[in-house]
Amino acid sequence: MANLELVRQLAISTPSKIVLLVADGLGGLPDPRTGKTELETARTPNLDRLAGMSMCGLTTPVAPGITPGSAPSHLALFGYDPIKYEIGRGILEALGVDFDIQERDVAARGNFGTVDANGIVTDRRAGRISTEKNIELCKLLSQRVKLPGVELFVTPVKEHRFVVVFRGDGLRGELTDSDPQREGKSPRLVEALTPEAERTAALANKFAAQAKKALADSHPANMMLLRGFSKHPDLPQMSDCFKLKPAAIAVYPMYRGLAKGVGIDTPAGAEELRKAQVKLWFTGMDDKFIKDQTAYAESLIPLMGTDFLPSVPKDLFTKEFLP
């Protein structure tokens, strides 16, 4: 990770263009039948040719022995120390769906989930309900859940994911998650990590209790789980540090939110790129956009939904997947 203050002093704006293409999640484990990973199995003449004419190496996003999530990994790729510059998942999701985050807000990422008669989580994603059902449930929570002294916003993201934003004076983001992170456990009470966050923790638990009652008849989405409580971070902006005019082509809201958090523009039209499936065509960029922007391309155009491995065509990995 770069010393951003030093970089800010040394960086000089130039007419050079940079494309940072992030193939997030490209790594895999060997298939027991072949002993090869997906990437080893794929026919990749273009990637092979690109690697052959390039300087190649390895990088450690956080520190040896730490397996980071996508958000801190991307921060590191952008040159930010993910330990020094922490950014919560709630804020990332809120920014990613263009929610107007304000200074008094605390945001949390929510999952609609399934609990059994004993209150044990049996599915943290509620069978991956449709986005349409998600919208319906968010409206239900917005109507049913009322908290004293704060405004409440429940905003759908995609499939089982949503964002809840608490708006009020004195709210803090130093809270634990209610999401136990695995099935077979009960949802946790939200706890304050600092004395100043006690009131916010109480509000989050009241929200969870009322949401549980409101969702009781909405199986499989009869519960919701919260994580990543956070306020808007004060991150150094990439244009200031690196003297760039950055733009991000990103589909999933978390990545759009991360880009916005460091001052990267996120032009509309990325969803159309995803619909192109395997072939990525930058048809949404006109000549002026390309000339004026440093393009950051987030190549999240998967054939399947996030965290979901469906049946795929047998010849998928025998095809050249870049034009």
Protein backbone atom coordinates (compact mmCIF):
# COMPACT_ATOMS: atom_id res chain seq x y z
CA MET A 1 0.00 0.00 0.00
CA ALA A 2 1.17 3.49 -0.83
CA ASN A 3 2.01 6.29 1.56
CA LEU A 4 -0.80 8.50 0.30
CA GLU A 5 0.62 11.71 1.71
CA LEU A 6 3.93 11.07 -0.05
CA VAL A 7 2.12 10.08 -3.25
CA ARG A 8 0.09 13.28 -3.09
CA GLN A 9 3.29 15.31 -2.96
CA LEU A 10 4.99 13.41 -5.79
CA ALA A 11 2.10 12.71 -8.19
CA ILE A 12 1.92 14.70 -11.41
CA SER A 13 -1.08 14.81 -13.73
CA THR A 14 -0.26 13.46 -17.21
CA PRO A 15 -2.29 12.61 -20.35
CA SER A 16 -1.58 8.89 -19.86
CA LYS A 17 -4.56 6.52 -19.63
CA ILE A 18 -4.78 3.55 -17.26
CA VAL A 19 -7.18 0.61 -17.31
CA LEU A 20 -7.29 -1.46 -14.11
CA LEU A 21 -9.21 -4.66 -14.85
CA VAL A 22 -10.03 -6.59 -11.68
CA ALA A 23 -11.01 -10.23 -12.22
CA ASP A 24 -12.39 -10.61 -8.70
CA GLY A 25 -12.96 -14.21 -7.61
CA LEU A 26 -10.93 -15.70 -10.43
CA GLY A 27 -9.08 -18.07 -8.11
CA GLY A 28 -10.45 -21.53 -7.44
CA LEU A 29 -9.77 -25.00 -6.07
CA PRO A 30 -8.86 -28.04 -8.17
CA ASP A 31 -11.72 -30.10 -9.54
CA PRO A 32 -11.43 -33.60 -7.99
CA ARG A 33 -12.01 -35.14 -11.43
CA THR A 34 -9.21 -33.30 -13.21
CA GLY A 35 -6.96 -31.89 -10.51
CA LYS A 36 -7.21 -28.48 -12.21
CA THR A 37 -8.83 -25.21 -11.18
CA GLU A 38 -11.33 -23.41 -13.39
CA LEU A 39 -8.62 -21.07 -14.66
CA GLU A 40 -6.24 -23.96 -15.37
CA THR A 41 -9.02 -25.70 -17.28
CA ALA A 42 -10.06 -22.70 -19.34
CA ARG A 43 -8.58 -22.01 -22.77
CA THR A 44 -7.12 -18.54 -22.34
CA PRO A 45 -5.06 -17.54 -25.40
CA ASN A 46 -5.64 -13.82 -24.89
CA LEU A 47 -4.74 -13.85 -21.22
CA ASP A 48 -1.73 -16.01 -21.99
CA ARG A 49 -0.57 -13.60 -24.68
CA LEU A 50 -1.10 -10.63 -22.38
CA ALA A 51 0.88 -12.29 -19.58
CA GLY A 52 3.69 -13.12 -22.00
CA MET A 53 4.20 -9.48 -22.91
CA SER A 54 3.75 -8.11 -19.39
CA MET A 55 5.55 -7.75 -16.11
CA CYS A 56 3.88 -10.20 -13.71
CA GLY A 57 4.01 -10.57 -9.96
CA LEU A 58 2.13 -11.20 -6.73
CA THR A 59 0.73 -8.82 -4.14
CA THR A 60 -0.48 -9.27 -0.56
CA PRO A 61 -3.63 -7.15 -0.08
CA VAL A 62 -3.51 -6.89 3.73
CA ALA A 63 -0.87 -9.04 5.43
CA PRO A 64 0.50 -12.59 5.24
CA GLY A 65 -2.00 -15.16 6.50
CA ILE A 66 -5.02 -12.87 6.20
CA THR A 67 -7.74 -13.75 3.70
CA PRO A 68 -9.49 -10.41 3.10
CA GLY A 69 -12.92 -9.76 1.71
CA SER A 70 -13.53 -7.94 -1.55
CA ALA A 71 -13.81 -4.46 -0.01
CA PRO A 72 -10.42 -4.34 1.77
CA SER A 73 -8.80 -6.11 -1.18
CA HIS A 74 -10.04 -3.48 -3.61
CA LEU A 75 -8.95 -0.70 -1.28
CA ALA A 76 -5.46 -2.20 -1.35
CA LEU A 77 -5.54 -2.42 -5.15
CA PHE A 78 -6.41 1.27 -5.24
CA GLY A 79 -3.37 2.02 -3.07
CA TYR A 80 -5.11 2.42 0.30
CA ASP A 81 -4.06 0.63 3.48
CA PRO A 82 -7.23 -1.38 4.37
CA ILE A 83 -6.20 -1.52 8.03
CA LYS A 84 -5.81 2.24 8.30
CA TYR A 85 -8.78 3.08 6.11
CA GLU A 86 -11.67 0.91 7.29
CA ILE A 87 -15.00 1.22 5.53
CA GLY A 88 -18.08 -0.67 6.66
CA ARG A 89 -20.19 -2.88 4.43
CA GLY A 90 -23.33 -0.93 5.25
CA ILE A 91 -21.98 2.31 3.85
CA LEU A 92 -20.62 0.54 0.78
CA GLU A 93 -24.01 -0.96 0.00
CA ALA A 94 -25.81 2.35 0.61
CA LEU A 95 -23.46 4.29 -1.65
CA GLY A 96 -23.71 1.53 -4.24
CA VAL A 97 -27.49 1.95 -4.60
CA ASP A 98 -27.10 5.76 -4.72
CA PHE A 99 -28.64 6.34 -1.31
CA ASP A 100 -28.09 9.91 -0.18
CA ILE A 101 -25.93 9.22 2.89
CA GLN A 102 -25.76 12.13 5.33
CA GLU A 103 -23.51 12.95 8.26
CA ARG A 104 -26.11 11.82 10.84
CA ASP A 105 -26.58 8.39 9.22
CA VAL A 106 -25.50 4.92 10.27
CA ALA A 107 -25.96 2.22 7.63
CA ALA A 108 -25.97 -1.58 7.90
CA ARG A 109 -26.01 -4.30 5.28
CA GLY A 110 -29.00 -6.60 5.72
CA ASN A 111 -29.75 -10.14 4.59
CA PHE A 112 -33.22 -11.61 4.53
CA GLY A 113 -32.82 -15.06 6.06
CA THR A 114 -34.71 -18.09 7.30
CA VAL A 115 -35.09 -19.24 10.90
CA ASP A 116 -36.82 -22.36 12.19
CA ALA A 117 -39.41 -22.62 14.97
CA ASN A 118 -36.63 -22.38 17.56
CA GLY A 119 -35.19 -19.23 16.08
CA ILE A 120 -32.14 -20.99 14.61
CA VAL A 121 -30.84 -19.70 11.30
CA THR A 122 -31.30 -22.35 8.61
CA ASP A 123 -30.49 -20.17 5.60
CA ARG A 124 -28.65 -16.83 5.80
CA ARG A 125 -29.92 -15.88 2.33
CA ALA A 126 -33.57 -17.02 2.49
CA GLY A 127 -33.14 -19.25 -0.55
CA ARG A 128 -31.94 -16.25 -2.52
CA ILE A 129 -35.34 -14.66 -2.89
CA SER A 130 -36.00 -12.57 -5.98
CA THR A 131 -35.25 -8.88 -6.04
CA GLU A 132 -38.96 -8.28 -6.57
CA LYS A 133 -39.73 -10.09 -3.30
CA ASN A 134 -36.96 -8.11 -1.62
CA ILE A 135 -38.60 -4.84 -2.68
CA GLU A 136 -41.91 -6.05 -1.28
CA LEU A 137 -40.36 -6.98 2.08
CA CYS A 138 -38.45 -3.70 2.35
CA LYS A 139 -41.73 -1.83 1.89
CA LEU A 140 -43.26 -4.01 4.60
CA LEU A 141 -40.49 -3.20 7.06
CA SER A 142 -40.64 0.49 6.22
CA GLN A 143 -44.35 0.47 7.06
CA ARG A 144 -44.24 -1.73 10.16
CA VAL A 145 -41.04 -0.78 11.98
CA LYS A 146 -40.98 2.48 13.92
CA LEU A 147 -38.13 3.67 16.13
CA PRO A 148 -38.21 6.58 18.58
CA GLY A 149 -36.12 9.62 17.76
CA VAL A 150 -34.70 8.43 14.42
CA GLU A 151 -35.67 8.24 10.78
CA LEU A 152 -35.47 4.77 9.29
CA PHE A 153 -34.82 3.85 5.65
CA VAL A 154 -35.00 0.27 4.39
CA THR A 155 -33.71 0.06 0.83
CA PRO A 156 -33.49 -3.03 -1.39
CA VAL A 157 -30.19 -3.93 -3.02
CA LYS A 158 -30.47 -7.24 -4.88
CA GLU A 159 -31.94 -10.68 -4.21
CA HIS A 160 -31.76 -11.20 -0.42
CA ARG A 161 -29.62 -8.11 0.27
CA PHE A 162 -30.86 -4.76 1.53
CA VAL A 163 -29.59 -1.68 3.36
CA VAL A 164 -31.04 -0.17 6.52
CA VAL A 165 -30.09 3.41 7.38
CA PHE A 166 -30.69 4.95 10.80
CA ARG A 167 -30.72 8.76 10.74
CA GLY A 168 -30.52 10.83 13.90
CA ASP A 169 -28.30 12.84 16.19
CA GLY A 170 -25.49 11.11 18.06
CA LEU A 171 -25.66 7.77 16.24
CA ARG A 172 -22.48 5.69 16.09
CA GLY A 173 -21.25 2.83 13.95
CA GLU A 174 -19.11 0.98 16.51
CA LEU A 175 -21.44 -2.02 16.73
CA THR A 176 -21.24 -5.79 16.43
CA ASP A 177 -23.24 -7.73 13.84
CA SER A 178 -26.50 -9.57 14.42
CA ASP A 179 -25.54 -11.96 11.60
CA PRO A 180 -23.91 -15.08 13.14
CA GLN A 181 -22.18 -15.68 9.77
CA ARG A 182 -23.24 -19.33 9.66
CA GLU A 183 -26.32 -21.52 9.77
CA GLY A 184 -27.20 -23.44 12.93
CA LYS A 185 -26.83 -20.38 15.17
CA SER A 186 -29.31 -17.88 16.55
CA PRO A 187 -29.19 -14.25 15.38
CA ARG A 188 -27.05 -12.25 17.77
CA LEU A 189 -27.93 -9.19 19.76
CA VAL A 190 -26.17 -6.10 18.46
CA GLU A 191 -23.67 -4.86 21.03
CA ALA A 192 -21.95 -1.50 21.40
CA LEU A 193 -18.18 -1.50 21.08
CA THR A 194 -17.93 1.92 22.75
CA PRO A 195 -20.04 3.59 25.44
CA GLU A 196 -21.11 6.24 22.91
CA ALA A 197 -22.68 3.56 20.71
CA GLU A 198 -25.00 2.12 23.39
CA ARG A 199 -28.07 4.03 22.17
CA THR A 200 -27.47 3.00 18.56
CA ALA A 201 -27.13 -0.66 19.61
CA ALA A 202 -30.46 -0.45 21.44
CA LEU A 203 -32.11 1.02 18.33
CA ALA A 204 -30.65 -1.72 16.13
CA ASN A 205 -32.01 -4.41 18.46
CA LYS A 206 -35.44 -2.77 18.51
CA PHE A 207 -35.37 -2.76 14.73
CA ALA A 208 -34.46 -6.46 14.68
CA ALA A 209 -37.23 -7.37 17.14
CA GLN A 210 -39.90 -5.49 15.21
CA ALA A 211 -38.63 -6.85 11.90
CA LYS A 212 -38.86 -10.40 13.22
CA LYS A 213 -42.56 -9.89 14.02
CA ALA A 214 -43.25 -8.21 10.69
CA LEU A 215 -41.57 -11.03 8.72
CA ALA A 216 -43.02 -13.93 10.72
CA ASP A 217 -45.38 -14.99 7.91
CA SER A 218 -42.96 -14.30 5.04
CA HIS A 219 -41.21 -17.70 4.87
CA PRO A 220 -38.55 -18.31 3.65
CA ALA A 221 -37.62 -14.69 4.41
CA ASN A 222 -38.95 -14.76 7.97
CA MET A 223 -35.95 -13.05 9.57
CA MET A 224 -33.29 -10.52 8.73
CA LEU A 225 -29.63 -10.30 9.72
CA LEU A 226 -27.51 -7.15 9.99
CA ARG A 227 -23.79 -6.55 9.64
CA GLY A 228 -21.29 -3.86 8.76
CA PHE A 229 -22.72 -0.95 10.76
CA SER A 230 -20.86 2.17 9.68
CA LYS A 231 -20.92 5.88 9.07
CA HIS A 232 -19.63 7.63 5.97
CA PRO A 233 -15.82 7.38 6.03
CA ASP A 234 -13.52 10.32 5.48
CA LEU A 235 -11.26 8.69 2.87
CA PRO A 236 -8.61 10.53 0.86
CA GLN A 237 -9.91 10.98 -2.66
CA MET A 238 -8.10 9.23 -5.49
CA SER A 239 -8.14 12.28 -7.75
CA ASP A 240 -6.35 14.30 -5.08
CA CYS A 241 -3.81 11.61 -4.14
CA PHE A 242 -2.94 10.24 -7.56
CA LYS A 243 -3.85 13.21 -9.80
CA LEU A 244 -6.24 11.04 -11.83
CA LYS A 245 -9.74 11.44 -13.25
CA PRO A 246 -10.98 7.97 -12.25
CA ALA A 247 -14.15 6.22 -13.36
CA ALA A 248 -15.46 2.75 -12.45
CA ILE A 249 -17.52 0.35 -14.52
CA ALA A 250 -19.00 -1.79 -11.77
CA VAL A 251 -22.23 -3.77 -11.53
CA TYR A 252 -22.63 -4.97 -7.96
CA PRO A 253 -23.60 -2.16 -5.53
CA MET A 254 -20.82 -2.87 -3.03
CA TYR A 255 -18.17 -2.19 -5.67
CA ARG A 256 -19.96 0.92 -6.87
CA GLY A 257 -20.09 2.09 -3.26
CA LEU A 258 -16.41 1.43 -2.71
CA ALA A 259 -15.56 3.38 -5.84
CA LYS A 260 -17.66 6.33 -4.70
CA GLY A 261 -16.07 6.21 -1.27
CA VAL A 262 -12.65 7.01 -2.74
CA GLY A 263 -14.00 9.55 -5.21
CA ILE A 264 -14.24 7.42 -8.34
CA ASP A 265 -17.03 8.35 -10.72
CA THR A 266 -19.51 5.54 -11.45
CA PRO A 267 -21.25 6.27 -14.76
CA ALA A 268 -24.53 4.56 -15.53
CA GLY A 269 -24.72 1.64 -17.94
CA ALA A 270 -22.72 -1.06 -16.14
CA GLU A 271 -25.73 -3.38 -15.88
CA GLU A 272 -25.89 -3.53 -19.66
CA LEU A 273 -22.31 -4.79 -19.65
CA ARG A 274 -23.29 -7.60 -17.30
CA LYS A 275 -26.08 -8.65 -19.64
CA ALA A 276 -23.45 -9.14 -22.32
CA GLN A 277 -22.46 -12.21 -20.27
CA VAL A 278 -19.03 -13.54 -21.26
CA LYS A 279 -18.06 -10.93 -23.86
CA LEU A 280 -17.32 -7.48 -22.50
CA TRP A 281 -17.90 -4.75 -25.04
CA PHE A 282 -17.37 -1.15 -23.97
CA THR A 283 -20.19 0.15 -26.18
CA GLY A 284 -21.42 2.58 -23.52
CA MET A 285 -18.28 4.75 -23.74
CA ASP A 286 -18.16 7.49 -26.33
CA ASP A 287 -14.88 9.02 -27.51
CA LYS A 288 -15.17 12.02 -25.21
CA PHE A 289 -15.65 9.80 -22.15
CA ILE A 290 -12.57 7.75 -23.00
CA LYS A 291 -10.48 10.87 -23.55
CA ASP A 292 -11.63 12.59 -20.37
CA GLN A 293 -11.58 9.67 -17.95
CA THR A 294 -9.13 7.18 -16.57
CA ALA A 295 -11.20 4.01 -16.84
CA TYR A 296 -11.32 1.56 -14.01
CA ALA A 297 -13.10 -1.55 -15.25
CA GLU A 298 -14.57 -3.89 -12.69
CA SER A 299 -15.18 -7.07 -14.68
CA LEU A 300 -17.94 -8.51 -12.60
CA ILE A 301 -20.04 -9.92 -15.43
CA PRO A 302 -20.50 -13.45 -14.11
CA LEU A 303 -22.66 -16.11 -15.65
CA MET A 304 -24.15 -16.71 -12.24
CA GLY A 305 -25.23 -14.67 -9.22
CA THR A 306 -22.78 -13.74 -6.48
CA ASP A 307 -21.89 -16.67 -4.18
CA PHE A 308 -23.91 -19.03 -6.38
CA LEU A 309 -22.55 -21.96 -8.39
CA PRO A 310 -25.13 -23.28 -10.85
CA SER A 311 -24.84 -26.02 -13.42
CA VAL A 312 -22.84 -24.64 -16.33
CA PRO A 313 -22.49 -25.87 -19.90
CA LYS A 314 -19.92 -28.63 -20.24
CA ASP A 315 -18.03 -26.71 -22.91
CA LEU A 316 -17.95 -23.42 -20.97
CA PHE A 317 -14.26 -23.62 -20.13
CA THR A 318 -13.22 -24.89 -23.56
CA LYS A 319 -14.26 -21.63 -25.18
CA GLU A 320 -12.13 -18.57 -25.52
CA PHE A 321 -13.88 -16.16 -23.20
CA LEU A 322 -12.30 -12.93 -24.39
CA PRO A 323 -12.84 -11.49 -27.88
